[in-house]
Amino acid sequence: QVQLVESGGGLVQAGGSLRLSCAASGTIFSMFAVGWYRQAPGSQREFVARISSGSSTNYADSVKGRFTISRDNAKNTVSLQMNSLKPEDTAVYYCAAGPIVPDLYWGQGAQVTVSS
């Protein structure tokens, strides 16, 4: 069993930056792929970024070049550095993990609000 806890959300002006962190319990976390997803009000949850156990990364086109996902297996954490934030980035951001596809374990979510 893996438990995930997100932190670092908040309110920021457009053009600003935030860093989300996902802290995990469990010794097998380093073997999992981890992803960030987001859900805006009235919208479906969407993929944001993914990092494999080998630290290969993938990003949604909407965040490519602005967001960076990274992991520190020694600390059981995955971070999402978000720069040049836009109002359309406003959403609840979720961390998820799984052996191959990061969708087996989910965190509770962190609110990110970007004001214009």
C-alpha atoms as a PDB file:
ATOM      1  CA  GLN A   1       0.000   0.000   0.000  1.00  0.00           C
ATOM      2  CA  VAL A   2       1.230   3.461  -0.909  1.00  0.00           C
ATOM      3  CA  GLN A   3      -0.137   6.656   0.591  1.00  0.00           C
ATOM      4  CA  LEU A   4       0.395   9.957  -1.210  1.00  0.00           C
ATOM      5  CA  VAL A   5       0.154  13.441   0.281  1.00  0.00           C
ATOM      6  CA  GLU A   6       0.355  16.584  -1.841  1.00  0.00           C
ATOM      7  CA  SER A   7       1.548  19.948  -0.552  1.00  0.00           C
ATOM      8  CA  GLY A   8       2.557  23.335  -1.926  1.00  0.00           C
ATOM      9  CA  GLY A   9      -0.643  24.528  -3.516  1.00  0.00           C
ATOM     10  CA  GLY A  10      -1.916  28.056  -3.110  1.00  0.00           C
ATOM     11  CA  LEU A  11      -2.816  31.331  -4.758  1.00  0.00           C
ATOM     12  CA  VAL A  12      -0.447  33.027  -7.189  1.00  0.00           C
ATOM     13  CA  GLN A  13      -0.679  35.775  -9.781  1.00  0.00           C
ATOM     14  CA  ALA A  14      -0.403  34.997 -13.460  1.00  0.00           C
ATOM     15  CA  GLY A  15       3.228  34.668 -14.467  1.00  0.00           C
ATOM     16  CA  GLY A  16       4.223  33.428 -11.046  1.00  0.00           C
ATOM     17  CA  SER A  17       5.526  30.074  -9.853  1.00  0.00           C
ATOM     18  CA  LEU A  18       4.525  27.337  -7.454  1.00  0.00           C
ATOM     19  CA  ARG A  19       6.119  24.051  -6.506  1.00  0.00           C
ATOM     20  CA  LEU A  20       3.952  21.065  -5.637  1.00  0.00           C
ATOM     21  CA  SER A  21       5.324  18.131  -3.709  1.00  0.00           C
ATOM     22  CA  CYS A  22       4.018  14.599  -3.401  1.00  0.00           C
ATOM     23  CA  ALA A  23       5.277  12.684  -0.389  1.00  0.00           C
ATOM     24  CA  ALA A  24       4.835   8.918  -0.393  1.00  0.00           C
ATOM     25  CA  SER A  25       4.911   6.187   2.190  1.00  0.00           C
ATOM     26  CA  GLY A  26       6.132   2.719   1.318  1.00  0.00           C
ATOM     27  CA  THR A  27       9.504   1.381   0.306  1.00  0.00           C
ATOM     28  CA  ILE A  28       8.428   0.440  -3.218  1.00  0.00           C
ATOM     29  CA  PHE A  29       7.697   4.025  -4.269  1.00  0.00           C
ATOM     30  CA  SER A  30      10.995   4.253  -6.153  1.00  0.00           C
ATOM     31  CA  MET A  31       9.799   1.442  -8.423  1.00  0.00           C
ATOM     32  CA  PHE A  32       6.596   3.279  -9.384  1.00  0.00           C
ATOM     33  CA  ALA A  33       5.765   5.723 -12.107  1.00  0.00           C
ATOM     34  CA  VAL A  34       4.304   8.902 -10.662  1.00  0.00           C
ATOM     35  CA  GLY A  35       2.033  11.353 -12.364  1.00  0.00           C
ATOM     36  CA  TRP A  36       0.384  14.681 -11.776  1.00  0.00           C
ATOM     37  CA  TYR A  37      -3.168  15.252 -12.938  1.00  0.00           C
ATOM     38  CA  ARG A  38      -5.485  18.209 -12.508  1.00  0.00           C
ATOM     39  CA  GLN A  39      -9.192  18.890 -12.484  1.00  0.00           C
ATOM     40  CA  ALA A  40     -10.688  22.307 -12.997  1.00  0.00           C
ATOM     41  CA  PRO A  41     -14.263  23.098 -11.933  1.00  0.00           C
ATOM     42  CA  GLY A  42     -16.743  21.627 -14.384  1.00  0.00           C
ATOM     43  CA  SER A  43     -14.016  19.768 -16.267  1.00  0.00           C
ATOM     44  CA  GLN A  44     -12.726  16.234 -16.388  1.00  0.00           C
ATOM     45  CA  ARG A  45      -9.468  15.272 -14.756  1.00  0.00           C
ATOM     46  CA  GLU A  46      -6.574  15.649 -17.168  1.00  0.00           C
ATOM     47  CA  PHE A  47      -2.998  14.464 -17.362  1.00  0.00           C
ATOM     48  CA  VAL A  48      -0.288  17.001 -16.583  1.00  0.00           C
ATOM     49  CA  ALA A  49       3.052  15.209 -16.251  1.00  0.00           C
ATOM     50  CA  ARG A  50       4.544  11.800 -15.586  1.00  0.00           C
ATOM     51  CA  ILE A  51       7.895  10.493 -14.423  1.00  0.00           C
ATOM     52  CA  SER A  52       8.899   6.845 -14.685  1.00  0.00           C
ATOM     53  CA  SER A  53      10.878   4.834 -12.160  1.00  0.00           C
ATOM     54  CA  GLY A  54      13.887   5.538 -14.366  1.00  0.00           C
ATOM     55  CA  SER A  55      13.105   9.283 -14.376  1.00  0.00           C
ATOM     56  CA  SER A  56      11.886   9.516 -17.967  1.00  0.00           C
ATOM     57  CA  THR A  57       9.354  12.322 -18.217  1.00  0.00           C
ATOM     58  CA  ASN A  58       6.262  13.175 -20.255  1.00  0.00           C
ATOM     59  CA  TYR A  59       4.192  16.357 -20.266  1.00  0.00           C
ATOM     60  CA  ALA A  60       0.871  17.529 -21.552  1.00  0.00           C
ATOM     61  CA  ASP A  61       1.295  19.965 -24.424  1.00  0.00           C
ATOM     62  CA  SER A  62      -0.421  22.673 -22.392  1.00  0.00           C
ATOM     63  CA  VAL A  63       2.346  22.693 -19.757  1.00  0.00           C
ATOM     64  CA  LYS A  64       5.395  21.688 -21.783  1.00  0.00           C
ATOM     65  CA  GLY A  65       8.218  24.168 -21.281  1.00  0.00           C
ATOM     66  CA  ARG A  66       6.595  25.656 -18.166  1.00  0.00           C
ATOM     67  CA  PHE A  67       6.300  22.706 -15.765  1.00  0.00           C
ATOM     68  CA  THR A  68       9.027  20.330 -14.641  1.00  0.00           C
ATOM     69  CA  ILE A  69       8.485  17.033 -12.843  1.00  0.00           C
ATOM     70  CA  SER A  70      11.272  15.474 -10.789  1.00  0.00           C
ATOM     71  CA  ARG A  71      11.722  12.800  -8.166  1.00  0.00           C
ATOM     72  CA  ASP A  72      13.932  12.180  -5.162  1.00  0.00           C
ATOM     73  CA  ASN A  73      13.715   8.480  -4.353  1.00  0.00           C
ATOM     74  CA  ALA A  74      15.843   8.870  -1.222  1.00  0.00           C
ATOM     75  CA  LYS A  75      13.135  11.145   0.179  1.00  0.00           C
ATOM     76  CA  ASN A  76      10.181   9.339  -1.440  1.00  0.00           C
ATOM     77  CA  THR A  77       9.015  12.551  -3.059  1.00  0.00           C
ATOM     78  CA  VAL A  78       8.020  13.770  -6.486  1.00  0.00           C
ATOM     79  CA  SER A  79       7.819  17.470  -7.236  1.00  0.00           C
ATOM     80  CA  LEU A  80       6.136  19.562  -9.891  1.00  0.00           C
ATOM     81  CA  GLN A  81       7.755  22.934 -10.496  1.00  0.00           C
ATOM     82  CA  MET A  82       5.243  25.207 -12.201  1.00  0.00           C
ATOM     83  CA  ASN A  83       6.491  28.410 -13.820  1.00  0.00           C
ATOM     84  CA  SER A  84       4.801  31.074 -15.948  1.00  0.00           C
ATOM     85  CA  LEU A  85       1.457  30.106 -14.487  1.00  0.00           C
ATOM     86  CA  LYS A  86      -1.717  31.071 -16.311  1.00  0.00           C
ATOM     87  CA  PRO A  87      -5.271  31.461 -15.034  1.00  0.00           C
ATOM     88  CA  GLU A  88      -6.202  28.343 -17.011  1.00  0.00           C
ATOM     89  CA  ASP A  89      -3.811  26.355 -14.808  1.00  0.00           C
ATOM     90  CA  THR A  90      -6.243  26.850 -11.924  1.00  0.00           C
ATOM     91  CA  ALA A  91      -7.340  23.411 -10.722  1.00  0.00           C
ATOM     92  CA  VAL A  92      -7.040  20.805  -8.024  1.00  0.00           C
ATOM     93  CA  TYR A  93      -3.781  18.965  -8.682  1.00  0.00           C
ATOM     94  CA  TYR A  94      -3.518  15.275  -7.833  1.00  0.00           C
ATOM     95  CA  CYS A  95      -0.481  13.077  -7.440  1.00  0.00           C
ATOM     96  CA  ALA A  96      -0.864   9.437  -8.474  1.00  0.00           C
ATOM     97  CA  ALA A  97       1.423   6.413  -8.601  1.00  0.00           C
ATOM     98  CA  GLY A  98       1.448   2.934 -10.062  1.00  0.00           C
ATOM     99  CA  PRO A  99       3.811   0.190 -11.242  1.00  0.00           C
ATOM    100  CA  ILE A 100       3.625   1.292 -14.892  1.00  0.00           C
ATOM    101  CA  VAL A 101       0.696   3.655 -15.363  1.00  0.00           C
ATOM    102  CA  PRO A 102       0.426   6.125 -12.473  1.00  0.00           C
ATOM    103  CA  ASP A 103      -3.220   5.529 -11.628  1.00  0.00           C
ATOM    104  CA  LEU A 104      -3.282   2.978  -8.826  1.00  0.00           C
ATOM    105  CA  TYR A 105      -2.755   5.173  -5.777  1.00  0.00           C
ATOM    106  CA  TRP A 106      -4.009   8.756  -5.478  1.00  0.00           C
ATOM    107  CA  GLY A 107      -3.433  11.673  -3.169  1.00  0.00           C
ATOM    108  CA  GLN A 108      -6.148  13.921  -1.801  1.00  0.00           C
ATOM    109  CA  GLY A 109      -5.350  16.841  -4.090  1.00  0.00           C
ATOM    110  CA  ALA A 110      -3.926  20.348  -3.712  1.00  0.00           C
ATOM    111  CA  GLN A 111      -5.665  23.522  -4.881  1.00  0.00           C
ATOM    112  CA  VAL A 112      -3.769  25.798  -7.242  1.00  0.00           C
ATOM    113  CA  THR A 113      -5.377  29.130  -8.064  1.00  0.00           C
ATOM    114  CA  VAL A 114      -3.844  31.543 -10.565  1.00  0.00           C
ATOM    115  CA  SER A 115      -5.300  35.037 -10.601  1.00  0.00           C
ATOM    116  CA  SER A 116      -5.227  37.253 -13.670  1.00  0.00           C
END
